[in-house]
C-alpha atoms as a PDB file:
ATOM      1  CA  UNK A   1     -21.932  20.358   3.576  1.00  0.00           C
ATOM      2  CA  UNK A   2     -22.681  16.609   3.525  1.00  0.00           C
ATOM      3  CA  UNK A   3     -21.372  16.391  -0.035  1.00  0.00           C
ATOM      4  CA  UNK A   4     -18.075  17.999   0.982  1.00  0.00           C
ATOM      5  CA  UNK A   5     -17.785  15.689   3.980  1.00  0.00           C
ATOM      6  CA  UNK A   6     -18.339  12.643   1.790  1.00  0.00           C
ATOM      7  CA  UNK A   7     -15.823  13.924  -0.743  1.00  0.00           C
ATOM      8  CA  UNK A   8     -13.244  14.407   2.017  1.00  0.00           C
ATOM      9  CA  UNK A   9     -13.946  10.928   3.380  1.00  0.00           C
ATOM     10  CA  UNK A  10     -13.427   9.494  -0.090  1.00  0.00           C
ATOM     11  CA  UNK A  11     -10.132  11.261  -0.566  1.00  0.00           C
ATOM     12  CA  UNK A  12      -8.967  10.132   2.843  1.00  0.00           C
ATOM     13  CA  UNK A  13      -9.973   6.570   2.105  1.00  0.00           C
ATOM     14  CA  UNK A  14      -8.033   6.700  -1.146  1.00  0.00           C
ATOM     15  CA  UNK A  15      -4.976   7.954   0.608  1.00  0.00           C
ATOM     16  CA  UNK A  16      -5.328   5.195   3.163  1.00  0.00           C
ATOM     17  CA  UNK A  17      -5.544   2.566   0.466  1.00  0.00           C
ATOM     18  CA  UNK A  18      -2.411   3.879  -1.162  1.00  0.00           C
ATOM     19  CA  UNK A  19      -0.542   3.896   2.090  1.00  0.00           C
ATOM     20  CA  UNK A  20      -1.713   0.388   2.863  1.00  0.00           C
ATOM     21  CA  UNK A  21      -0.593  -0.857  -0.490  1.00  0.00           C
ATOM     22  CA  UNK A  22       2.768   0.694  -0.054  1.00  0.00           C
ATOM     23  CA  UNK A  23       3.243  -0.857   3.329  1.00  0.00           C
ATOM     24  CA  UNK A  24       2.069  -4.245   2.111  1.00  0.00           C
ATOM     25  CA  UNK A  25       4.778  -4.227  -0.496  1.00  0.00           C
ATOM     26  CA  UNK A  26       7.500  -2.713   1.579  1.00  0.00           C
ATOM     27  CA  UNK A  27       7.329  -4.997   4.575  1.00  0.00           C
ATOM     28  CA  UNK A  28       8.769  -8.451   4.864  1.00  0.00           C
ATOM     29  CA  UNK A  29      11.800 -10.632   4.556  1.00  0.00           C
ATOM     30  CA  UNK A  30      13.228 -12.767   1.827  1.00  0.00           C
ATOM     31  CA  UNK A  31      15.497 -15.787   1.990  1.00  0.00           C
ATOM     32  CA  UNK A  32      18.791 -15.429   0.210  1.00  0.00           C
ATOM     33  CA  UNK A  33      18.842 -18.908  -1.304  1.00  0.00           C
ATOM     34  CA  UNK A  34      19.648 -18.878  -5.012  1.00  0.00           C
ATOM     35  CA  UNK A  35      16.674 -19.850  -7.171  1.00  0.00           C
ATOM     36  CA  UNK A  36      16.829 -22.935  -9.347  1.00  0.00           C
ATOM     37  CA  UNK A  37      14.688 -24.132 -12.222  1.00  0.00           C
ATOM     38  CA  UNK A  38      12.946 -26.569  -9.849  1.00  0.00           C
ATOM     39  CA  UNK A  39      12.960 -24.466  -6.688  1.00  0.00           C
ATOM     40  CA  UNK A  40       9.821 -24.443  -4.571  1.00  0.00           C
ATOM     41  CA  UNK A  41       7.920 -21.228  -4.188  1.00  0.00           C
ATOM     42  CA  UNK A  42       8.973 -19.147  -1.231  1.00  0.00           C
ATOM     43  CA  UNK A  43       6.554 -18.104   1.460  1.00  0.00           C
ATOM     44  CA  UNK A  44       6.905 -14.897   3.463  1.00  0.00           C
ATOM     45  CA  UNK A  45       4.967 -13.328   6.332  1.00  0.00           C
ATOM     46  CA  UNK A  46       5.488  -9.580   6.120  1.00  0.00           C
ATOM     47  CA  UNK A  47       4.849  -6.658   8.435  1.00  0.00           C
ATOM     48  CA  UNK A  48       6.071  -3.107   8.221  1.00  0.00           C
ATOM     49  CA  UNK A  49       5.400   0.608   8.031  1.00  0.00           C
ATOM     50  CA  UNK A  50       5.246   3.051   5.140  1.00  0.00           C
ATOM     51  CA  UNK A  51       5.388   6.854   5.156  1.00  0.00           C
ATOM     52  CA  UNK A  52       3.869   8.502   2.086  1.00  0.00           C
ATOM     53  CA  UNK A  53       3.376  12.008   0.756  1.00  0.00           C
ATOM     54  CA  UNK A  54       1.202  13.484  -1.973  1.00  0.00           C
ATOM     55  CA  UNK A  55       2.920  14.047  -5.311  1.00  0.00           C
ATOM     56  CA  UNK A  56      -0.107  14.933  -7.442  1.00  0.00           C
ATOM     57  CA  UNK A  57      -3.878  15.165  -7.242  1.00  0.00           C
ATOM     58  CA  UNK A  58      -6.332  15.258 -10.128  1.00  0.00           C
ATOM     59  CA  UNK A  59     -10.007  15.304  -9.161  1.00  0.00           C
ATOM     60  CA  UNK A  60     -10.604  12.196  -7.062  1.00  0.00           C
ATOM     61  CA  UNK A  61      -7.312  10.546  -8.118  1.00  0.00           C
ATOM     62  CA  UNK A  62      -4.367  10.827  -5.717  1.00  0.00           C
ATOM     63  CA  UNK A  63      -0.728   9.949  -6.446  1.00  0.00           C
ATOM     64  CA  UNK A  64       1.615   9.231  -3.530  1.00  0.00           C
ATOM     65  CA  UNK A  65       5.283   8.368  -3.057  1.00  0.00           C
ATOM     66  CA  UNK A  66       7.290   7.358  -0.028  1.00  0.00           C
ATOM     67  CA  UNK A  67       9.433   4.848   1.788  1.00  0.00           C
ATOM     68  CA  UNK A  68       8.747   1.541   3.498  1.00  0.00           C
ATOM     69  CA  UNK A  69      10.666  -0.061   6.342  1.00  0.00           C
ATOM     70  CA  UNK A  70      10.757  -3.691   7.382  1.00  0.00           C
ATOM     71  CA  UNK A  71      12.578  -6.696   5.983  1.00  0.00           C
ATOM     72  CA  UNK A  72      11.994  -5.448   2.417  1.00  0.00           C
ATOM     73  CA  UNK A  73      12.800  -1.757   2.804  1.00  0.00           C
ATOM     74  CA  UNK A  74      12.522   0.419  -0.269  1.00  0.00           C
ATOM     75  CA  UNK A  75      10.488   3.017  -2.109  1.00  0.00           C
ATOM     76  CA  UNK A  76       6.783   3.028  -2.940  1.00  0.00           C
ATOM     77  CA  UNK A  77       4.557   4.691  -5.519  1.00  0.00           C
ATOM     78  CA  UNK A  78       0.770   4.609  -5.522  1.00  0.00           C
ATOM     79  CA  UNK A  79      -2.307   5.728  -7.428  1.00  0.00           C
ATOM     80  CA  UNK A  80      -5.673   5.876  -5.624  1.00  0.00           C
ATOM     81  CA  UNK A  81      -9.188   6.576  -6.749  1.00  0.00           C
ATOM     82  CA  UNK A  82     -11.112   8.096  -3.884  1.00  0.00           C
ATOM     83  CA  UNK A  83     -14.801   7.691  -3.242  1.00  0.00           C
ATOM     84  CA  UNK A  84     -17.202   8.701  -0.518  1.00  0.00           C
ATOM     85  CA  UNK A  85     -17.051   5.516   1.565  1.00  0.00           C
ATOM     86  CA  UNK A  86     -14.079   3.620   0.142  1.00  0.00           C
ATOM     87  CA  UNK A  87     -10.825   4.091  -1.708  1.00  0.00           C
ATOM     88  CA  UNK A  88      -9.303   1.737  -4.271  1.00  0.00           C
ATOM     89  CA  UNK A  89      -5.823   1.787  -5.684  1.00  0.00           C
ATOM     90  CA  UNK A  90      -2.678   0.221  -7.019  1.00  0.00           C
ATOM     91  CA  UNK A  91       0.608   0.354  -5.148  1.00  0.00           C
ATOM     92  CA  UNK A  92       4.034  -0.633  -6.443  1.00  0.00           C
ATOM     93  CA  UNK A  93       6.875  -1.324  -4.061  1.00  0.00           C
ATOM     94  CA  UNK A  94      10.526  -1.321  -5.147  1.00  0.00           C
ATOM     95  CA  UNK A  95      12.602  -3.244  -2.547  1.00  0.00           C
ATOM     96  CA  UNK A  96      16.275  -2.308  -2.251  1.00  0.00           C
ATOM     97  CA  UNK A  97      17.211  -5.910  -3.122  1.00  0.00           C
ATOM     98  CA  UNK A  98      15.704  -5.597  -6.626  1.00  0.00           C
ATOM     99  CA  UNK A  99      12.464  -6.415  -8.397  1.00  0.00           C
ATOM    100  CA  UNK A 100       9.083  -4.903  -7.645  1.00  0.00           C
ATOM    101  CA  UNK A 101       5.741  -5.909  -6.107  1.00  0.00           C
ATOM    102  CA  UNK A 102       2.374  -4.618  -7.305  1.00  0.00           C
ATOM    103  CA  UNK A 103      -0.644  -4.565  -5.008  1.00  0.00           C
ATOM    104  CA  UNK A 104      -4.271  -3.670  -5.281  1.00  0.00           C
ATOM    105  CA  UNK A 105      -5.925  -2.216  -2.194  1.00  0.00           C
ATOM    106  CA  UNK A 106      -9.303  -1.237  -0.805  1.00  0.00           C
ATOM    107  CA  UNK A 107      -9.478   1.035   2.225  1.00  0.00           C
ATOM    108  CA  UNK A 108     -12.188   2.506   4.423  1.00  0.00           C
ATOM    109  CA  UNK A 109     -11.867   5.777   6.361  1.00  0.00           C
ATOM    110  CA  UNK A 110     -13.160   5.692   9.937  1.00  0.00           C
ATOM    111  CA  UNK A 111     -14.142   9.393  10.062  1.00  0.00           C
ATOM    112  CA  UNK A 112     -14.102  12.659   8.172  1.00  0.00           C
ATOM    113  CA  UNK A 113     -11.724  14.398  10.593  1.00  0.00           C
ATOM    114  CA  UNK A 114      -8.591  16.215   9.443  1.00  0.00           C
ATOM    115  CA  UNK A 115      -6.497  13.365  10.865  1.00  0.00           C
ATOM    116  CA  UNK A 116      -8.366  10.229   9.848  1.00  0.00           C
ATOM    117  CA  UNK A 117      -7.796   6.604  10.814  1.00  0.00           C
ATOM    118  CA  UNK A 118      -8.355   3.934   8.164  1.00  0.00           C
ATOM    119  CA  UNK A 119      -8.340   0.182   7.680  1.00  0.00           C
ATOM    120  CA  UNK A 120      -8.333  -2.024   4.618  1.00  0.00           C
ATOM    121  CA  UNK A 121      -7.229  -5.118   2.723  1.00  0.00           C
ATOM    122  CA  UNK A 122      -4.629  -5.574   0.005  1.00  0.00           C
ATOM    123  CA  UNK A 123      -3.841  -8.250  -2.565  1.00  0.00           C
ATOM    124  CA  UNK A 124      -0.432  -8.885  -4.139  1.00  0.00           C
ATOM    125  CA  UNK A 125      -0.977  -9.301  -7.891  1.00  0.00           C
ATOM    126  CA  UNK A 126       2.536  -9.871  -9.187  1.00  0.00           C
ATOM    127  CA  UNK A 127       5.754  -8.035  -9.755  1.00  0.00           C
ATOM    128  CA  UNK A 128       9.057  -8.107 -11.578  1.00  0.00           C
ATOM    129  CA  UNK A 129      12.345  -9.922 -11.040  1.00  0.00           C
ATOM    130  CA  UNK A 130      12.253 -12.329  -8.105  1.00  0.00           C
ATOM    131  CA  UNK A 131       8.632 -11.302  -7.435  1.00  0.00           C
ATOM    132  CA  UNK A 132       7.315 -11.880 -10.986  1.00  0.00           C
ATOM    133  CA  UNK A 133       4.951 -14.665  -9.852  1.00  0.00           C
ATOM    134  CA  UNK A 134       4.126 -13.175  -6.443  1.00  0.00           C
ATOM    135  CA  UNK A 135       0.688 -13.695  -4.916  1.00  0.00           C
ATOM    136  CA  UNK A 136      -0.621 -12.849  -1.477  1.00  0.00           C
ATOM    137  CA  UNK A 137      -2.996 -10.869   0.686  1.00  0.00           C
ATOM    138  CA  UNK A 138      -2.997  -8.816   3.837  1.00  0.00           C
ATOM    139  CA  UNK A 139      -4.522  -6.048   5.885  1.00  0.00           C
ATOM    140  CA  UNK A 140      -3.462  -2.539   6.857  1.00  0.00           C
ATOM    141  CA  UNK A 141      -4.352   0.375   9.109  1.00  0.00           C
ATOM    142  CA  UNK A 142      -3.025   3.841   9.556  1.00  0.00           C
ATOM    143  CA  UNK A 143      -3.614   7.553   9.641  1.00  0.00           C
ATOM    144  CA  UNK A 144      -3.824  10.218   6.980  1.00  0.00           C
ATOM    145  CA  UNK A 145      -3.682  13.999   7.255  1.00  0.00           C
ATOM    146  CA  UNK A 146      -6.469  15.308   5.062  1.00  0.00           C
ATOM    147  CA  UNK A 147      -4.822  18.718   4.607  1.00  0.00           C
ATOM    148  CA  UNK A 148      -1.334  17.575   3.558  1.00  0.00           C
ATOM    149  CA  UNK A 149      -2.149  13.978   2.515  1.00  0.00           C
ATOM    150  CA  UNK A 150       0.788  12.701   4.566  1.00  0.00           C
ATOM    151  CA  UNK A 151       0.061   9.057   5.365  1.00  0.00           C
ATOM    152  CA  UNK A 152       1.514   6.509   7.773  1.00  0.00           C
ATOM    153  CA  UNK A 153       0.448   2.898   7.229  1.00  0.00           C
ATOM    154  CA  UNK A 154       1.171  -0.348   9.056  1.00  0.00           C
ATOM    155  CA  UNK A 155       0.546  -3.579   7.177  1.00  0.00           C
ATOM    156  CA  UNK A 156       0.682  -7.334   7.638  1.00  0.00           C
ATOM    157  CA  UNK A 157       0.582  -9.732   4.694  1.00  0.00           C
ATOM    158  CA  UNK A 158       1.425 -13.251   3.554  1.00  0.00           C
ATOM    159  CA  UNK A 159       3.248 -13.589   0.238  1.00  0.00           C
ATOM    160  CA  UNK A 160       4.319 -16.498  -1.970  1.00  0.00           C
ATOM    161  CA  UNK A 161       6.742 -15.933  -4.823  1.00  0.00           C
END
């Protein structure tokens, strides 16, 4: 029984990490100034919410997809590796304005309940288009349904690009 509980906690944590990553990428605002060869890097404080759903599961690896709202609304994909006490993953956000942001995340489930709360940290590791040199970090929290793997995540992050 303890082994199953730990396995469930790990899967939940993984889902939380994915959700957090998605939110971290999907939240924020961007200035509309045209870039120049000598333009200074832009700085952005982001906050937003992501809603994710399970697309595939293979052992302790979970794949999620969903939408993010905020100043960079768009779609999100994620891949998480779940463990007993923590979940790690990579999340890619595709803002409607173009480009993409890729995040790494680490999340920690707060319980082994069917509806679990989680917290974690994320790091922006780059992207494509206007976000190709993006760097940043943030935190997230949310809830995950362990039966359906539906996840809602709220995130706050600081980004330079």
